[in-house]
C-alpha atoms as a PDB file:
ATOM      1  CA  MET A   1      87.683 124.792 171.068  1.00  0.00           C
ATOM      2  CA  PRO A   2      84.405 126.561 170.581  1.00  0.00           C
ATOM      3  CA  GLU A   3      81.540 124.726 168.815  1.00  0.00           C
ATOM      4  CA  LEU A   4      80.418 126.865 165.859  1.00  0.00           C
ATOM      5  CA  ILE A   5      76.897 127.239 164.809  1.00  0.00           C
ATOM      6  CA  PRO A   6      76.690 127.952 161.091  1.00  0.00           C
ATOM      7  CA  PRO A   7      74.419 130.770 160.097  1.00  0.00           C
ATOM      8  CA  ILE A   8      71.132 130.377 158.460  1.00  0.00           C
ATOM      9  CA  ASP A   9      70.893 130.815 154.649  1.00  0.00           C
ATOM     10  CA  ILE A  10      74.654 130.904 153.926  1.00  0.00           C
ATOM     11  CA  PRO A  11      75.316 132.443 150.476  1.00  0.00           C
ATOM     12  CA  TRP A  12      77.653 129.712 149.269  1.00  0.00           C
ATOM     13  CA  LYS A  13      80.168 130.422 146.560  1.00  0.00           C
ATOM     14  CA  LEU A  14      81.395 127.508 144.475  1.00  0.00           C
ATOM     15  CA  ILE A  15      85.321 127.486 144.332  1.00  0.00           C
ATOM     16  CA  ASP A  16      86.060 124.143 142.570  1.00  0.00           C
ATOM     17  CA  VAL A  17      84.379 121.148 141.174  1.00  0.00           C
ATOM     18  CA  SER A  18      85.425 117.894 139.487  1.00  0.00           C
ATOM     19  CA  GLN A  19      86.197 119.011 135.844  1.00  0.00           C
ATOM     20  CA  ASP A  20      85.677 115.467 134.303  1.00  0.00           C
ATOM     21  CA  MET A  21      81.944 115.609 135.307  1.00  0.00           C
ATOM     22  CA  ILE A  22      81.144 118.796 133.606  1.00  0.00           C
ATOM     23  CA  ASP A  23      79.505 118.650 130.254  1.00  0.00           C
ATOM     24  CA  PRO A  24      81.373 121.088 127.934  1.00  0.00           C
ATOM     25  CA  GLY A  25      79.530 120.326 124.758  1.00  0.00           C
ATOM     26  CA  PHE A  26      76.174 121.874 123.846  1.00  0.00           C
ATOM     27  CA  CYS A  27      73.758 119.411 122.427  1.00  0.00           C
ATOM     28  CA  ASP A  28      76.303 116.952 121.237  1.00  0.00           C
ATOM     29  CA  ASN A  29      74.636 113.939 122.845  1.00  0.00           C
ATOM     30  CA  ALA A  30      77.780 113.111 124.569  1.00  0.00           C
ATOM     31  CA  ALA A  31      77.549 113.690 128.373  1.00  0.00           C
ATOM     32  CA  PRO A  32      80.156 112.614 130.798  1.00  0.00           C
ATOM     33  CA  THR A  33      79.724 108.942 132.145  1.00  0.00           C
ATOM     34  CA  CYS A  34      77.243 108.511 135.036  1.00  0.00           C
ATOM     35  CA  PHE A  35      79.242 106.062 137.066  1.00  0.00           C
ATOM     36  CA  LYS A  36      82.052 108.251 138.305  1.00  0.00           C
ATOM     37  CA  SER A  37      82.236 110.103 141.523  1.00  0.00           C
ATOM     38  CA  SER A  38      82.178 113.773 141.768  1.00  0.00           C
ATOM     39  CA  ILE A  39      83.192 116.454 144.373  1.00  0.00           C
ATOM     40  CA  ALA A  40      82.384 120.189 144.672  1.00  0.00           C
ATOM     41  CA  VAL A  41      83.690 122.664 147.214  1.00  0.00           C
ATOM     42  CA  PHE A  42      81.886 125.632 148.378  1.00  0.00           C
ATOM     43  CA  ALA A  43      83.028 128.478 150.570  1.00  0.00           C
ATOM     44  CA  TYR A  44      81.621 131.395 152.661  1.00  0.00           C
ATOM     45  CA  GLU A  45      83.687 134.032 154.508  1.00  0.00           C
ATOM     46  CA  PRO A  46      81.587 135.999 157.066  1.00  0.00           C
ATOM     47  CA  SER A  47      82.309 139.392 158.048  1.00  0.00           C
ATOM     48  CA  GLN A  48      84.050 140.461 161.244  1.00  0.00           C
ATOM     49  CA  SER A  49      80.733 141.363 162.952  1.00  0.00           C
ATOM     50  CA  GLU A  50      79.472 137.758 162.480  1.00  0.00           C
ATOM     51  CA  ILE A  51      82.524 135.994 163.959  1.00  0.00           C
ATOM     52  CA  PRO A  52      82.240 134.993 167.572  1.00  0.00           C
ATOM     53  CA  ILE A  53      83.846 137.000 170.276  1.00  0.00           C
ATOM     54  CA  GLU A  54      86.153 134.304 171.330  1.00  0.00           C
ATOM     55  CA  MET A  55      87.579 134.292 167.830  1.00  0.00           C
ATOM     56  CA  CYS A  56      88.038 137.962 167.507  1.00  0.00           C
ATOM     57  CA  GLY A  57      90.972 138.925 165.379  1.00  0.00           C
ATOM     58  CA  GLU A  58      91.100 135.610 163.490  1.00  0.00           C
ATOM     59  CA  LYS A  59      89.876 134.920 160.023  1.00  0.00           C
ATOM     60  CA  LEU A  60      86.956 132.398 159.794  1.00  0.00           C
ATOM     61  CA  THR A  61      85.860 130.444 156.575  1.00  0.00           C
ATOM     62  CA  TYR A  62      83.015 128.074 156.155  1.00  0.00           C
ATOM     63  CA  LEU A  63      83.640 125.205 153.777  1.00  0.00           C
ATOM     64  CA  LYS A  64      80.924 122.894 152.223  1.00  0.00           C
ATOM     65  CA  VAL A  65      81.836 119.746 150.434  1.00  0.00           C
ATOM     66  CA  THR A  66      79.320 117.900 148.423  1.00  0.00           C
ATOM     67  CA  ILE A  67      80.224 114.525 147.080  1.00  0.00           C
ATOM     68  CA  SER A  68      78.390 112.123 144.819  1.00  0.00           C
ATOM     69  CA  LEU A  69      79.530 108.512 145.342  1.00  0.00           C
ATOM     70  CA  THR A  70      78.999 105.921 142.784  1.00  0.00           C
ATOM     71  CA  GLY A  71      80.289 102.646 141.682  1.00  0.00           C
ATOM     72  CA  TYR A  72      82.476 102.163 138.560  1.00  0.00           C
ATOM     73  CA  GLN A  73      81.968 100.741 135.242  1.00  0.00           C
ATOM     74  CA  LEU A  74      84.719 100.495 132.680  1.00  0.00           C
ATOM     75  CA  GLN A  75      84.153 102.930 129.677  1.00  0.00           C
ATOM     76  CA  THR A  76      85.114 102.525 126.095  1.00  0.00           C
ATOM     77  CA  ASP A  77      88.004 104.853 126.235  1.00  0.00           C
ATOM     78  CA  ASP A  78      89.617 102.815 129.114  1.00  0.00           C
ATOM     79  CA  TRP A  79      89.975  99.581 127.034  1.00  0.00           C
ATOM     80  CA  SER A  80      92.987 100.603 125.133  1.00  0.00           C
ATOM     81  CA  ARG A  81      94.810 101.697 128.146  1.00  0.00           C
ATOM     82  CA  LEU A  82      94.108  98.492 130.266  1.00  0.00           C
ATOM     83  CA  GLU A  83      94.738  96.154 127.406  1.00  0.00           C
ATOM     84  CA  GLY A  84      98.293  97.463 127.013  1.00  0.00           C
ATOM     85  CA  ILE A  85      98.941  97.112 130.840  1.00  0.00           C
ATOM     86  CA  VAL A  86      97.212  93.973 131.582  1.00  0.00           C
ATOM     87  CA  SER A  87      98.958  91.429 129.205  1.00  0.00           C
ATOM     88  CA  THR A  88      98.013  88.210 131.078  1.00  0.00           C
ATOM     89  CA  PHE A  89      94.544  88.300 129.762  1.00  0.00           C
ATOM     90  CA  SER A  90      93.129  88.599 126.220  1.00  0.00           C
ATOM     91  CA  SER A  91      90.914  91.409 125.170  1.00  0.00           C
ATOM     92  CA  GLY A  92      87.746  89.265 125.347  1.00  0.00           C
ATOM     93  CA  GLU A  93      88.625  87.870 128.799  1.00  0.00           C
ATOM     94  CA  LEU A  94      89.271  91.505 130.129  1.00  0.00           C
ATOM     95  CA  ARG A  95      85.993  92.729 128.828  1.00  0.00           C
ATOM     96  CA  THR A  96      84.219  89.852 130.518  1.00  0.00           C
ATOM     97  CA  ILE A  97      86.072  90.472 133.806  1.00  0.00           C
ATOM     98  CA  LEU A  98      85.760  94.267 134.030  1.00  0.00           C
ATOM     99  CA  GLY A  99      82.660  94.690 131.806  1.00  0.00           C
ATOM    100  CA  ASP A 100      80.229  94.586 135.049  1.00  0.00           C
ATOM    101  CA  TYR A 101      79.202  97.425 137.190  1.00  0.00           C
ATOM    102  CA  LEU A 102      81.186  97.383 140.342  1.00  0.00           C
ATOM    103  CA  ALA A 103      79.174  98.673 143.154  1.00  0.00           C
ATOM    104  CA  CYS A 104      80.612 101.128 145.843  1.00  0.00           C
ATOM    105  CA  TYR A 105      80.163  99.996 149.533  1.00  0.00           C
ATOM    106  CA  GLY A 106      82.360 102.479 151.342  1.00  0.00           C
ATOM    107  CA  ALA A 107      84.501 105.542 150.699  1.00  0.00           C
ATOM    108  CA  MET A 108      87.042 107.696 152.599  1.00  0.00           C
ATOM    109  CA  VAL A 109      87.064 111.457 152.032  1.00  0.00           C
ATOM    110  CA  HIS A 110      90.276 113.269 153.166  1.00  0.00           C
ATOM    111  CA  ILE A 111      89.925 117.133 153.390  1.00  0.00           C
ATOM    112  CA  SER A 112      93.119 119.226 154.157  1.00  0.00           C
ATOM    113  CA  THR A 113      93.646 123.082 154.607  1.00  0.00           C
ATOM    114  CA  PHE A 114      97.005 124.902 153.972  1.00  0.00           C
ATOM    115  CA  PRO A 115      98.390 128.370 154.081  1.00  0.00           C
ATOM    116  CA  PRO A 116      98.596 130.180 150.790  1.00  0.00           C
ATOM    117  CA  GLN A 117     102.370 130.103 150.648  1.00  0.00           C
ATOM    118  CA  ASP A 118     104.331 126.745 150.356  1.00  0.00           C
ATOM    119  CA  THR A 119     107.305 128.278 152.366  1.00  0.00           C
ATOM    120  CA  ILE A 120     105.260 128.493 155.517  1.00  0.00           C
ATOM    121  CA  THR A 121     106.616 125.761 157.800  1.00  0.00           C
ATOM    122  CA  ASP A 122     105.442 126.941 161.217  1.00  0.00           C
ATOM    123  CA  LEU A 123     102.698 124.693 162.125  1.00  0.00           C
ATOM    124  CA  THR A 124     101.039 127.323 164.262  1.00  0.00           C
ATOM    125  CA  LEU A 125     100.539 129.509 161.273  1.00  0.00           C
ATOM    126  CA  PHE A 126      98.435 126.815 159.642  1.00  0.00           C
ATOM    127  CA  PRO A 127      94.802 126.962 159.232  1.00  0.00           C
ATOM    128  CA  HIS A 128      92.981 124.543 161.427  1.00  0.00           C
ATOM    129  CA  ILE A 129      89.634 123.035 161.333  1.00  0.00           C
ATOM    130  CA  VAL A 130      87.583 124.430 164.340  1.00  0.00           C
ATOM    131  CA  ASP A 131      84.497 122.067 163.927  1.00  0.00           C
ATOM    132  CA  PHE A 132      82.712 120.072 161.364  1.00  0.00           C
ATOM    133  CA  GLU A 133      79.400 118.438 160.865  1.00  0.00           C
ATOM    134  CA  PRO A 134      78.462 115.780 160.925  1.00  0.00           C
ATOM    135  CA  LYS A 135      80.840 113.969 163.210  1.00  0.00           C
ATOM    136  CA  LEU A 136      78.663 110.814 163.251  1.00  0.00           C
ATOM    137  CA  ARG A 137      75.607 109.635 161.217  1.00  0.00           C
ATOM    138  CA  GLU A 138      73.955 106.422 161.960  1.00  0.00           C
ATOM    139  CA  LEU A 139      71.031 104.461 160.414  1.00  0.00           C
ATOM    140  CA  LEU A 140      68.775 102.356 162.682  1.00  0.00           C
ATOM    141  CA  GLN A 141      66.689  99.874 160.892  1.00  0.00           C
ATOM    142  CA  VAL A 142      64.008  98.012 162.819  1.00  0.00           C
ATOM    143  CA  THR A 143      62.891  94.643 161.702  1.00  0.00           C
ATOM    144  CA  SER A 144      59.731  92.994 163.212  1.00  0.00           C
ATOM    145  CA  GLU A 145      58.257  89.594 163.033  1.00  0.00           C
ATOM    146  CA  THR A 146      54.925  88.947 164.365  1.00  0.00           C
ATOM    147  CA  GLY A 147      53.179  85.531 165.019  1.00  0.00           C
ATOM    148  CA  GLU A 148      49.471  85.424 166.077  1.00  0.00           C
ATOM    149  CA  VAL A 149      47.239  82.339 166.647  1.00  0.00           C
ATOM    150  CA  LEU A 150      43.484  82.953 167.295  1.00  0.00           C
ATOM    151  CA  THR A 151      41.239  80.143 168.274  1.00  0.00           C
ATOM    152  CA  GLY A 152      37.566  79.862 169.728  1.00  0.00           C
ATOM    153  CA  SER A 153      34.751  77.497 170.442  1.00  0.00           C
ATOM    154  CA  GLN A 154      31.137  77.953 171.152  1.00  0.00           C
ATOM    155  CA  SER A 155      28.273  75.803 172.166  1.00  0.00           C
ATOM    156  CA  SER A 156      24.606  76.366 173.165  1.00  0.00           C
ATOM    157  CA  ILE A 157      21.359  74.306 174.125  1.00  0.00           C
ATOM    158  CA  SER A 158      17.788  75.569 174.363  1.00  0.00           C
ATOM    159  CA  VAL A 159      14.639  73.871 175.556  1.00  0.00           C
ATOM    160  CA  ASP A 160      11.197  75.508 175.174  1.00  0.00           C
ATOM    161  CA  LYS A 161       7.800  74.075 176.642  1.00  0.00           C
ATOM    162  CA  SER A 162       4.496  75.609 176.535  1.00  0.00           C
ATOM    163  CA  PHE A 163       0.872  74.666 177.450  1.00  0.00           C
ATOM    164  CA  SER A 164      -2.454  76.593 176.948  1.00  0.00           C
ATOM    165  CA  ARG A 165      -6.013  75.671 177.711  1.00  0.00           C
ATOM    166  CA  THR A 166      -9.362  77.603 177.390  1.00  0.00           C
ATOM    167  CA  HIS A 167     -12.545  76.856 179.177  1.00  0.00           C
ATOM    168  CA  GLY A 168     -15.834  78.567 177.841  1.00  0.00           C
ATOM    169  CA  ASN A 169     -19.464  78.449 179.079  1.00  0.00           C
ATOM    170  CA  GLU A 170     -22.346  80.139 177.022  1.00  0.00           C
ATOM    171  CA  VAL A 171     -25.966  80.560 178.541  1.00  0.00           C
ATOM    172  CA  GLY A 172     -28.803  81.825 176.224  1.00  0.00           C
ATOM    173  CA  LEU A 173     -32.394  82.730 177.065  1.00  0.00           C
ATOM    174  CA  GLU A 174     -35.152  83.627 174.671  1.00  0.00           C
ATOM    175  CA  HIS A 175     -38.779  84.288 175.336  1.00  0.00           C
ATOM    176  CA  SER A 176     -41.685  85.426 173.027  1.00  0.00           C
ATOM    177  CA  GLY A 177     -45.271  86.285 173.379  1.00  0.00           C
ATOM    178  CA  LYS A 178     -48.370  87.005 171.419  1.00  0.00           C
ATOM    179  CA  TYR A 179     -51.782  88.686 172.310  1.00  0.00           C
ATOM    180  CA  LYS A 180     -54.994  88.986 170.097  1.00  0.00           C
ATOM    181  CA  SER A 181     -57.886  90.789 171.477  1.00  0.00           C
ATOM    182  CA  PRO A 182     -61.438  89.533 171.102  1.00  0.00           C
ATOM    183  CA  GLU A 183     -63.614  90.792 168.148  1.00  0.00           C
ATOM    184  CA  SER A 184     -65.695  93.889 168.857  1.00  0.00           C
ATOM    185  CA  ASN A 185     -67.415  96.563 166.997  1.00  0.00           C
ATOM    186  CA  ALA A 186     -64.224  98.449 166.803  1.00  0.00           C
ATOM    187  CA  GLY A 187     -62.330  95.477 165.630  1.00  0.00           C
ATOM    188  CA  SER A 188     -59.498  93.749 167.272  1.00  0.00           C
ATOM    189  CA  PHE A 189     -55.682  94.099 167.915  1.00  0.00           C
ATOM    190  CA  GLU A 190     -52.735  91.957 167.961  1.00  0.00           C
ATOM    191  CA  ALA A 191     -49.372  92.401 169.872  1.00  0.00           C
ATOM    192  CA  SER A 192     -46.318  90.227 170.102  1.00  0.00           C
ATOM    193  CA  HIS A 193     -42.808  90.478 171.844  1.00  0.00           C
ATOM    194  CA  THR A 194     -39.567  88.763 171.999  1.00  0.00           C
ATOM    195  CA  ILE A 195     -36.900  88.748 174.801  1.00  0.00           C
ATOM    196  CA  LYS A 196     -33.583  87.291 173.947  1.00  0.00           C
ATOM    197  CA  GLY A 197     -30.416  87.129 176.202  1.00  0.00           C
ATOM    198  CA  THR A 198     -26.873  85.523 176.036  1.00  0.00           C
ATOM    199  CA  TRP A 199     -24.294  85.168 178.777  1.00  0.00           C
ATOM    200  CA  LYS A 200     -20.687  83.879 177.900  1.00  0.00           C
ATOM    201  CA  ASP A 201     -17.839  83.062 180.192  1.00  0.00           C
ATOM    202  CA  SER A 202     -14.376  82.175 178.980  1.00  0.00           C
ATOM    203  CA  THR A 203     -11.190  81.213 180.836  1.00  0.00           C
ATOM    204  CA  THR A 204      -7.628  80.645 179.402  1.00  0.00           C
ATOM    205  CA  GLU A 205      -4.733  79.002 181.335  1.00  0.00           C
ATOM    206  CA  SER A 206      -1.189  79.175 179.842  1.00  0.00           C
ATOM    207  CA  PHE A 207       2.148  77.471 181.138  1.00  0.00           C
ATOM    208  CA  GLN A 208       5.442  78.174 179.538  1.00  0.00           C
ATOM    209  CA  VAL A 209       9.179  76.975 180.436  1.00  0.00           C
ATOM    210  CA  ASN A 210      12.310  78.333 178.767  1.00  0.00           C
ATOM    211  CA  ALA A 211      15.848  77.103 179.626  1.00  0.00           C
ATOM    212  CA  ASP A 212      18.998  78.487 177.795  1.00  0.00           C
ATOM    213  CA  ALA A 213      22.552  77.411 178.404  1.00  0.00           C
ATOM    214  CA  SER A 214      25.621  78.355 176.441  1.00  0.00           C
ATOM    215  CA  ARG A 215      29.383  78.409 176.775  1.00  0.00           C
ATOM    216  CA  GLU A 216      32.037  80.187 174.827  1.00  0.00           C
ATOM    217  CA  ARG A 217      35.823  79.866 174.974  1.00  0.00           C
ATOM    218  CA  SER A 218      38.311  82.086 173.097  1.00  0.00           C
ATOM    219  CA  GLU A 219      42.163  81.730 173.282  1.00  0.00           C
ATOM    220  CA  ARG A 220      44.897  84.057 171.722  1.00  0.00           C
ATOM    221  CA  GLN A 221      48.500  83.521 171.447  1.00  0.00           C
ATOM    222  CA  SER A 222      50.858  86.241 170.179  1.00  0.00           C
ATOM    223  CA  THR A 223      54.601  86.432 169.731  1.00  0.00           C
ATOM    224  CA  ARG A 224      56.780  89.320 168.638  1.00  0.00           C
ATOM    225  CA  THR A 225      60.318  89.619 167.866  1.00  0.00           C
ATOM    226  CA  ASP A 226      62.262  92.825 167.197  1.00  0.00           C
ATOM    227  CA  LEU A 227      65.641  93.275 165.630  1.00  0.00           C
ATOM    228  CA  ASN A 228      67.493  96.499 165.658  1.00  0.00           C
ATOM    229  CA  GLN A 229      70.347  96.795 163.018  1.00  0.00           C
ATOM    230  CA  MET A 230      72.570  99.801 163.254  1.00  0.00           C
ATOM    231  CA  TYR A 231      74.608 100.862 160.350  1.00  0.00           C
ATOM    232  CA  ASN A 232      77.504 103.563 160.723  1.00  0.00           C
ATOM    233  CA  LEU A 233      76.954 105.646 157.635  1.00  0.00           C
ATOM    234  CA  LEU A 234      79.488 108.401 158.439  1.00  0.00           C
ATOM    235  CA  THR A 235      82.326 109.118 161.033  1.00  0.00           C
ATOM    236  CA  GLY A 236      84.430 112.224 161.156  1.00  0.00           C
ATOM    237  CA  TYR A 237      87.874 112.454 162.749  1.00  0.00           C
ATOM    238  CA  HIS A 238      90.629 114.780 163.550  1.00  0.00           C
ATOM    239  CA  SER A 239      88.693 117.905 164.539  1.00  0.00           C
ATOM    240  CA  GLY A 240      91.166 120.883 165.667  1.00  0.00           C
ATOM    241  CA  THR A 241      93.935 119.975 162.993  1.00  0.00           C
ATOM    242  CA  ASN A 242      94.184 121.298 159.516  1.00  0.00           C
ATOM    243  CA  ARG A 243      92.451 117.862 158.016  1.00  0.00           C
ATOM    244  CA  ALA A 244      89.301 116.295 158.450  1.00  0.00           C
ATOM    245  CA  LEU A 245      88.604 112.552 157.566  1.00  0.00           C
ATOM    246  CA  PHE A 246      85.318 111.127 156.783  1.00  0.00           C
END
């Protein structure tokens, strides 16, 4: 059978919905209970121009089923009905047993299509489901566990030795003189001079030794474990018949 690709932006039309989950009262503060499943069915009939060529002359209908799955919790209006059926338990015991919320861990949805008249018995005239999606839906959950150990050590040694020596020589010379002329009719004069000199010589010797040694070691150990858990959330069966089971 051909695999149909639904068109984009389908104008779905609601054809039926669970009546017990509709809130009929306006502002009466009495909404239906939360913990009941509900189902709604939408339909769309494309025009003949939208039907694939291999299905020319046949009538095609798209159906969308929306389901809300919940657990179950006994409601107040259910007590009187159950108390009359279950006679082996007292009213208090029954409320203790069924008073908790019962979670839902799995569900089965059975969808069937039939001809408009109940008198049709020819199975070739029954509508059949050409294809449905999803056929399979899985959840892959990855769990990782990592263990890591990091160690390290470091050692170092340093030796410094230095020696410095300075030699200096300094020589100085100083000479001074004075002269005075003899007395004459014009008088006398006097002159003096000084000569001074310094010579300096300096020598510096330096000796230095440096020695460094170090050692470093690091070690790393790492382990990793991955666990893949696959959960089968939905599986579809019986494509090509007039029913689909999910």
